[in-house]
Every structure is written in structure tokens, then in C-alpha cells.
Amino acid sequence: MGKLRHIALSVEDPEASCEFFKKAFDMEEVGHSGTGTKYLTDGTVNIALLNRKGKPLGYEGDEPFFGIDHFGIWVDDVEKACAQAEAAGAEHVMGNKSGDPNSFYEIKYRMPTGEMFDITAGGWRGAVKDVKPAND
């Protein structure tokens, strides 16, 4: 079973958004990219604050878009998950479907309804694949 462990937001100001998540929710900053993207975690899920200047991958609108860009699913078997997603109607957008399980490599898909998502076997920095519920 795939686990939702990554949410990417298209934001206008990654630094300000990062500070908000740290102050409002005690999230930990776990990385950044050369493009200005910031990565945070709550200890289970990775959040990417993307610096795409309002033009997410595949976005065709004229006005800038800020909000949920895509989400990521962490799976055990990338090839099986890709085949299952395609059988459900997902369209492969980019990435090698035999991704390296030892990296944070992602395979991007578009759902039949247009939303984008990633599949990976390597996870995201700060995310935890298998979470055990706390005892009541």
C-alpha cells in the first residue's frame, strides 16, 4: 500500500512560508534547493515549498497559481505502483519508472482529473514511511 508522505505547495515566498510552518506548527526545516525551494517535516510527512514563481509543472493558466502543486506517494515497488496507477488512468509525465530506491527520485504522473502526483520508493527527507499509531 502506498503512503502519502509528501505535499508540495507552490508559494510566492518560500522563505516566509517556511518561517510560518516552523512558527505555527513547530515543523523542522530539513533542506533547500538552489532554486529557493524549502523542505520541512513534521516527522512523518515532507512538505516542499516550491519556488516556481506561480507556474507549477504542467500549469497552463495565465494568472500565477499558488497552492497545492502535487502530492507524493511512497511505495514498496515502483514498477508495480506505476503499472497500477496507469491502469487506473494516470498519465506518465516524467521520470524513469524503474527509479532508484536509494534516492529521493520521483516519477511524476497526472491523474485523469488533472492533478499531479509523484511515486517513489526512496521517500523524502524528514518523512517516515511506516508509522505506528500511538497506544490509546
C-alpha atoms as a PDB file:
ATOM      1  CA  MET A   1       0.000   0.000   0.000  1.00  0.00           C
ATOM      2  CA  GLY A   2       1.272   3.458  -0.870  1.00  0.00           C
ATOM      3  CA  LYS A   3       1.705   6.045   1.878  1.00  0.00           C
ATOM      4  CA  LEU A   4       1.008   9.760   1.432  1.00  0.00           C
ATOM      5  CA  ARG A   5       4.269  11.281   2.693  1.00  0.00           C
ATOM      6  CA  HIS A   6       4.910  14.393   0.566  1.00  0.00           C
ATOM      7  CA  ILE A   7       2.936  17.530  -0.223  1.00  0.00           C
ATOM      8  CA  ALA A   8       4.344  20.242  -2.477  1.00  0.00           C
ATOM      9  CA  LEU A   9       2.985  23.764  -2.368  1.00  0.00           C
ATOM     10  CA  SER A  10       3.562  26.443  -4.980  1.00  0.00           C
ATOM     11  CA  VAL A  11       4.273  29.517  -2.834  1.00  0.00           C
ATOM     12  CA  GLU A  12       5.078  33.132  -3.607  1.00  0.00           C
ATOM     13  CA  ASP A  13       7.770  33.446  -0.916  1.00  0.00           C
ATOM     14  CA  PRO A  14       9.351  30.131   0.177  1.00  0.00           C
ATOM     15  CA  GLU A  15      11.346  31.749   2.991  1.00  0.00           C
ATOM     16  CA  ALA A  16       8.281  33.440   4.534  1.00  0.00           C
ATOM     17  CA  SER A  17       6.200  30.276   4.116  1.00  0.00           C
ATOM     18  CA  CYS A  18       8.962  28.221   5.735  1.00  0.00           C
ATOM     19  CA  GLU A  19       9.082  30.553   8.732  1.00  0.00           C
ATOM     20  CA  PHE A  20       5.296  30.310   9.053  1.00  0.00           C
ATOM     21  CA  PHE A  21       5.313  26.493   9.156  1.00  0.00           C
ATOM     22  CA  LYS A  22       8.150  26.493  11.692  1.00  0.00           C
ATOM     23  CA  LYS A  23       6.460  29.025  13.993  1.00  0.00           C
ATOM     24  CA  ALA A  24       2.845  27.893  13.590  1.00  0.00           C
ATOM     25  CA  PHE A  25       3.374  24.121  13.664  1.00  0.00           C
ATOM     26  CA  ASP A  26       6.881  23.566  15.085  1.00  0.00           C
ATOM     27  CA  MET A  27       7.991  21.947  11.825  1.00  0.00           C
ATOM     28  CA  GLU A  28      11.659  21.324  11.185  1.00  0.00           C
ATOM     29  CA  GLU A  29      13.431  22.671   8.109  1.00  0.00           C
ATOM     30  CA  VAL A  30      15.299  19.722   6.585  1.00  0.00           C
ATOM     31  CA  GLY A  31      16.694  21.138   3.362  1.00  0.00           C
ATOM     32  CA  HIS A  32      16.587  23.555   0.463  1.00  0.00           C
ATOM     33  CA  SER A  33      17.430  23.632  -3.220  1.00  0.00           C
ATOM     34  CA  GLY A  34      19.403  26.035  -5.365  1.00  0.00           C
ATOM     35  CA  THR A  35      16.119  27.282  -6.847  1.00  0.00           C
ATOM     36  CA  GLY A  36      14.870  28.553  -3.487  1.00  0.00           C
ATOM     37  CA  THR A  37      12.628  25.616  -2.637  1.00  0.00           C
ATOM     38  CA  LYS A  38      12.446  24.854   1.097  1.00  0.00           C
ATOM     39  CA  TYR A  39      11.748  21.429   2.637  1.00  0.00           C
ATOM     40  CA  LEU A  40      10.154  20.866   6.053  1.00  0.00           C
ATOM     41  CA  THR A  41       8.881  17.903   8.020  1.00  0.00           C
ATOM     42  CA  ASP A  42       6.526  17.191  10.875  1.00  0.00           C
ATOM     43  CA  GLY A  43       8.384  13.930  11.457  1.00  0.00           C
ATOM     44  CA  THR A  44       6.094  11.908   9.206  1.00  0.00           C
ATOM     45  CA  VAL A  45       5.299  13.997   6.113  1.00  0.00           C
ATOM     46  CA  ASN A  46       7.668  16.098   3.992  1.00  0.00           C
ATOM     47  CA  ILE A  47       6.432  19.490   2.775  1.00  0.00           C
ATOM     48  CA  ALA A  48       8.111  21.183  -0.183  1.00  0.00           C
ATOM     49  CA  LEU A  49       7.615  24.930  -0.566  1.00  0.00           C
ATOM     50  CA  LEU A  50       8.240  25.329  -4.290  1.00  0.00           C
ATOM     51  CA  ASN A  51       9.650  28.489  -5.804  1.00  0.00           C
ATOM     52  CA  ARG A  52       8.107  28.126  -9.286  1.00  0.00           C
ATOM     53  CA  LYS A  53       7.021  31.747  -9.478  1.00  0.00           C
ATOM     54  CA  GLY A  54       3.360  30.770  -9.794  1.00  0.00           C
ATOM     55  CA  LYS A  55       3.895  28.430 -12.765  1.00  0.00           C
ATOM     56  CA  PRO A  56       3.747  24.832 -11.469  1.00  0.00           C
ATOM     57  CA  LEU A  57       4.739  21.977 -13.760  1.00  0.00           C
ATOM     58  CA  GLY A  58       2.005  21.479 -16.356  1.00  0.00           C
ATOM     59  CA  TYR A  59       0.107  24.657 -15.371  1.00  0.00           C
ATOM     60  CA  GLU A  60      -1.281  26.364 -18.440  1.00  0.00           C
ATOM     61  CA  GLY A  61      -3.103  29.337 -16.886  1.00  0.00           C
ATOM     62  CA  ASP A  62      -2.181  32.964 -17.466  1.00  0.00           C
ATOM     63  CA  GLU A  63      -2.506  34.060 -13.829  1.00  0.00           C
ATOM     64  CA  PRO A  64       0.078  32.864 -11.281  1.00  0.00           C
ATOM     65  CA  PHE A  65      -1.008  29.823  -9.285  1.00  0.00           C
ATOM     66  CA  PHE A  66      -0.147  29.367  -5.617  1.00  0.00           C
ATOM     67  CA  GLY A  67      -1.458  26.381  -3.664  1.00  0.00           C
ATOM     68  CA  ILE A  68      -1.158  22.602  -3.786  1.00  0.00           C
ATOM     69  CA  ASP A  69       1.208  21.751  -6.643  1.00  0.00           C
ATOM     70  CA  HIS A  70       1.333  17.967  -6.210  1.00  0.00           C
ATOM     71  CA  PHE A  71       1.464  15.207  -3.624  1.00  0.00           C
ATOM     72  CA  GLY A  72       3.768  12.209  -3.276  1.00  0.00           C
ATOM     73  CA  ILE A  73       3.143   8.552  -2.551  1.00  0.00           C
ATOM     74  CA  TRP A  74       5.887   6.354  -1.054  1.00  0.00           C
ATOM     75  CA  VAL A  75       5.590   2.774  -2.324  1.00  0.00           C
ATOM     76  CA  ASP A  76       7.406  -0.542  -1.900  1.00  0.00           C
ATOM     77  CA  ASP A  77       7.567  -1.442  -5.598  1.00  0.00           C
ATOM     78  CA  VAL A  78       7.835   1.454  -8.068  1.00  0.00           C
ATOM     79  CA  GLU A  79       7.239  -0.602 -11.212  1.00  0.00           C
ATOM     80  CA  LYS A  80       4.119  -2.229  -9.737  1.00  0.00           C
ATOM     81  CA  ALA A  81       2.800   1.124  -8.442  1.00  0.00           C
ATOM     82  CA  CYS A  82       3.365   2.782 -11.826  1.00  0.00           C
ATOM     83  CA  ALA A  83       1.542  -0.015 -13.624  1.00  0.00           C
ATOM     84  CA  GLN A  84      -1.334   0.181 -11.136  1.00  0.00           C
ATOM     85  CA  ALA A  85      -1.578   3.997 -11.473  1.00  0.00           C
ATOM     86  CA  GLU A  86      -1.577   3.746 -15.266  1.00  0.00           C
ATOM     87  CA  ALA A  87      -4.247   1.030 -15.171  1.00  0.00           C
ATOM     88  CA  ALA A  88      -6.356   3.447 -13.105  1.00  0.00           C
ATOM     89  CA  GLY A  89      -5.956   6.100 -15.831  1.00  0.00           C
ATOM     90  CA  ALA A  90      -2.907   8.094 -14.708  1.00  0.00           C
ATOM     91  CA  GLU A  91      -0.704   9.595 -17.429  1.00  0.00           C
ATOM     92  CA  HIS A  92       3.085   9.333 -17.042  1.00  0.00           C
ATOM     93  CA  VAL A  93       4.579  12.848 -17.204  1.00  0.00           C
ATOM     94  CA  MET A  94       8.276  12.416 -16.418  1.00  0.00           C
ATOM     95  CA  GLY A  95      10.817  10.239 -14.666  1.00  0.00           C
ATOM     96  CA  ASN A  96      12.230   6.762 -15.157  1.00  0.00           C
ATOM     97  CA  LYS A  97       9.693   4.203 -13.962  1.00  0.00           C
ATOM     98  CA  SER A  98      12.435   1.952 -12.614  1.00  0.00           C
ATOM     99  CA  GLY A  99      13.550   4.714 -10.187  1.00  0.00           C
ATOM    100  CA  ASP A 100      16.472   4.234  -7.843  1.00  0.00           C
ATOM    101  CA  PRO A 101      15.143   3.093  -4.433  1.00  0.00           C
ATOM    102  CA  ASN A 102      18.251   4.549  -2.775  1.00  0.00           C
ATOM    103  CA  SER A 103      17.470   8.144  -3.784  1.00  0.00           C
ATOM    104  CA  PHE A 104      14.698  10.704  -3.426  1.00  0.00           C
ATOM    105  CA  TYR A 105      13.946  10.207  -7.127  1.00  0.00           C
ATOM    106  CA  GLU A 106      10.300  10.673  -8.123  1.00  0.00           C
ATOM    107  CA  ILE A 107       8.186   9.602 -11.085  1.00  0.00           C
ATOM    108  CA  LYS A 108       5.557  12.219 -11.951  1.00  0.00           C
ATOM    109  CA  TYR A 109       2.013  11.394 -13.074  1.00  0.00           C
ATOM    110  CA  ARG A 110      -1.156  13.295 -13.877  1.00  0.00           C
ATOM    111  CA  MET A 111      -4.449  11.902 -12.579  1.00  0.00           C
ATOM    112  CA  PRO A 112      -7.325  11.573 -15.087  1.00  0.00           C
ATOM    113  CA  THR A 113      -8.828  14.651 -13.380  1.00  0.00           C
ATOM    114  CA  GLY A 114      -5.646  16.704 -13.977  1.00  0.00           C
ATOM    115  CA  GLU A 115      -3.902  16.738 -10.583  1.00  0.00           C
ATOM    116  CA  MET A 116      -0.197  15.866 -10.398  1.00  0.00           C
ATOM    117  CA  PHE A 117       1.439  13.324  -8.090  1.00  0.00           C
ATOM    118  CA  ASP A 118       4.787  11.597  -7.504  1.00  0.00           C
ATOM    119  CA  ILE A 119       5.608   7.953  -6.891  1.00  0.00           C
ATOM    120  CA  THR A 120       8.870   6.983  -5.177  1.00  0.00           C
ATOM    121  CA  ALA A 121      10.418   4.071  -3.332  1.00  0.00           C
ATOM    122  CA  GLY A 122      13.068   6.302  -1.726  1.00  0.00           C
ATOM    123  CA  GLY A 123      10.877   8.703   0.218  1.00  0.00           C
ATOM    124  CA  TRP A 124      11.508  12.339   1.099  1.00  0.00           C
ATOM    125  CA  ARG A 125      13.855  13.899   3.634  1.00  0.00           C
ATOM    126  CA  GLY A 126      12.189  14.026   7.026  1.00  0.00           C
ATOM    127  CA  ALA A 127       9.309  11.730   6.033  1.00  0.00           C
ATOM    128  CA  VAL A 128       8.772   8.327   7.630  1.00  0.00           C
ATOM    129  CA  LYS A 129       7.223   5.590   5.520  1.00  0.00           C
ATOM    130  CA  ASP A 130       5.785   3.275   8.150  1.00  0.00           C
ATOM    131  CA  VAL A 131       4.198   4.977  11.125  1.00  0.00           C
ATOM    132  CA  LYS A 132       2.895   3.017  14.061  1.00  0.00           C
ATOM    133  CA  PRO A 133      -0.144   4.502  15.826  1.00  0.00           C
ATOM    134  CA  ALA A 134       0.308   5.518  19.464  1.00  0.00           C
ATOM    135  CA  ASN A 135      -1.350   3.305  22.038  1.00  0.00           C
ATOM    136  CA  ASP A 136      -4.611   4.758  23.341  1.00  0.00           C
END
